[in-house]
Amino acid sequence: MTLADLDAVLALQQRCYGVSFLEGRAAFAAKLAATQGLDCCWMAHGPQGPLAYAVSLPVCEQTLPALDAPRCERPAAPTLLYLHDMAVAPEARSLGLASRLLAQLRLSAQALA
């Protein structure tokens, strides 16, 4: 996932979550900036466009990011790879995308260990 994907991420998020759980562009951009150079945020695409995404962050228990926080900083010595957000388009929920994204998260967590 890159900054260029944010419009698609925000649209997919809106289709999957209630209004009280939506995050804005600034919050997603801050999370992407905090994961720069790491394999922590992914998107799954289909022929018609994005179908799912996952945002994970290297954190410590004391530094879990708040929902829609405009700032997000990566700790110097993270102890966890935290799954902050995952969404799968309703029409794609039978494709196993969440399982695949979680498998990628496990691989990334092991690589960071």
Protein backbone atom coordinates (compact mmCIF):
# COMPACT_ATOMS: atom_id res chain seq x y z
CA MET A 1 0.00 0.00 0.00
CA THR A 2 1.25 3.48 -0.88
CA LEU A 3 -0.03 7.04 -0.56
CA ALA A 4 -1.37 6.68 -4.10
CA ASP A 5 -3.77 4.00 -2.79
CA LEU A 6 -5.39 6.20 -0.15
CA ASP A 7 -8.50 7.12 -2.18
CA ALA A 8 -9.21 3.42 -2.76
CA VAL A 9 -8.49 2.58 0.89
CA LEU A 10 -10.82 5.32 2.16
CA ALA A 11 -13.59 4.19 -0.22
CA LEU A 12 -13.23 0.56 0.84
CA GLN A 13 -13.12 1.50 4.51
CA GLN A 14 -16.37 3.44 4.11
CA ARG A 15 -18.05 0.40 2.55
CA CYS A 16 -16.97 -1.88 5.41
CA TYR A 17 -17.21 0.15 8.62
CA GLY A 18 -19.74 2.26 10.46
CA VAL A 19 -19.20 6.00 10.59
CA SER A 20 -17.79 5.92 14.15
CA PHE A 21 -14.92 3.65 12.99
CA LEU A 22 -13.76 5.61 9.93
CA GLU A 23 -10.28 7.09 9.75
CA GLY A 24 -9.37 10.08 7.63
CA ARG A 25 -6.69 10.56 5.00
CA ALA A 26 -4.27 12.18 7.48
CA ALA A 27 -4.49 9.19 9.85
CA PHE A 28 -3.78 6.70 7.05
CA ALA A 29 -0.96 8.82 5.68
CA ALA A 30 0.62 9.01 9.15
CA LYS A 31 0.44 5.23 9.54
CA LEU A 32 1.98 4.67 6.11
CA ALA A 33 4.77 7.10 6.96
CA ALA A 34 5.44 5.21 10.22
CA THR A 35 5.83 1.95 8.27
CA GLN A 36 8.06 3.34 5.52
CA GLY A 37 10.64 0.79 4.47
CA LEU A 38 8.76 -2.08 6.12
CA ASP A 39 6.41 -4.65 4.63
CA CYS A 40 3.43 -3.87 6.90
CA CYS A 41 0.55 -2.55 4.80
CA TRP A 42 -1.03 -4.41 1.89
CA MET A 43 -3.84 -4.30 -0.64
CA ALA A 44 -5.51 -7.07 -2.60
CA HIS A 45 -6.77 -6.14 -6.06
CA GLY A 46 -9.25 -7.75 -8.41
CA PRO A 47 -10.08 -6.98 -12.04
CA GLN A 48 -12.36 -4.10 -10.98
CA GLY A 49 -9.98 -2.62 -8.41
CA PRO A 50 -9.12 -2.94 -4.72
CA LEU A 51 -10.91 -5.69 -2.80
CA ALA A 52 -9.16 -5.66 0.58
CA TYR A 53 -6.45 -4.01 2.63
CA ALA A 54 -4.61 -4.51 5.90
CA VAL A 55 -2.65 -1.94 7.90
CA SER A 56 -0.25 -3.19 10.53
CA LEU A 57 2.21 -1.18 12.55
CA PRO A 58 5.36 -1.94 14.52
CA VAL A 59 4.55 -0.80 18.06
CA CYS A 60 5.06 -1.39 21.75
CA GLU A 61 2.09 -2.09 24.01
CA GLN A 62 2.33 1.46 25.32
CA THR A 63 2.32 3.02 21.84
CA LEU A 64 -0.81 1.59 20.20
CA PRO A 65 -2.18 4.26 17.86
CA ALA A 66 -5.58 5.74 18.54
CA LEU A 67 -8.29 5.51 15.91
CA ASP A 68 -8.03 8.40 13.44
CA ALA A 69 -4.91 9.79 15.13
CA PRO A 70 -3.29 12.44 12.90
CA ARG A 71 0.20 11.39 14.08
CA CYS A 72 1.79 7.99 14.33
CA GLU A 73 5.42 7.39 15.20
CA ARG A 74 7.34 4.14 15.00
CA PRO A 75 9.07 3.34 18.31
CA ALA A 76 12.82 2.86 18.26
CA ALA A 77 12.50 -0.73 19.49
CA PRO A 78 9.03 -2.09 18.61
CA THR A 79 7.99 -5.31 20.30
CA LEU A 80 4.78 -6.07 18.36
CA LEU A 81 3.42 -5.96 14.84
CA TYR A 82 -0.08 -4.65 15.51
CA LEU A 83 -2.94 -5.24 13.07
CA HIS A 84 -4.61 -1.85 13.19
CA ASP A 85 -7.12 -2.18 10.38
CA MET A 86 -8.37 -4.70 7.84
CA ALA A 87 -11.26 -4.42 5.42
CA VAL A 88 -12.60 -6.77 2.77
CA ALA A 89 -15.19 -5.62 0.23
CA PRO A 90 -18.55 -7.34 0.76
CA GLU A 91 -18.44 -8.96 -2.69
CA ALA A 92 -15.00 -10.43 -1.95
CA ARG A 93 -15.65 -11.94 1.47
CA SER A 94 -15.71 -15.52 0.18
CA LEU A 95 -12.32 -15.30 -1.56
CA GLY A 96 -10.07 -15.95 1.44
CA LEU A 97 -8.44 -12.51 1.23
CA ALA A 98 -8.49 -11.92 4.99
CA SER A 99 -6.68 -15.23 5.54
CA ARG A 100 -4.08 -14.31 2.94
CA LEU A 101 -3.54 -10.87 4.44
CA LEU A 102 -3.16 -12.41 7.91
CA ALA A 103 -0.64 -14.91 6.53
CA GLN A 104 1.36 -11.99 5.12
CA LEU A 105 1.15 -10.26 8.49
CA ARG A 106 2.59 -13.36 10.20
CA LEU A 107 5.48 -13.48 7.72
CA SER A 108 6.22 -9.80 8.23
CA ALA A 109 6.08 -10.16 12.01
CA GLN A 110 8.55 -13.04 11.87
CA ALA A 111 10.87 -11.00 9.63
CA LEU A 112 10.81 -8.11 12.09
CA ALA A 113 11.56 -10.32 15.09
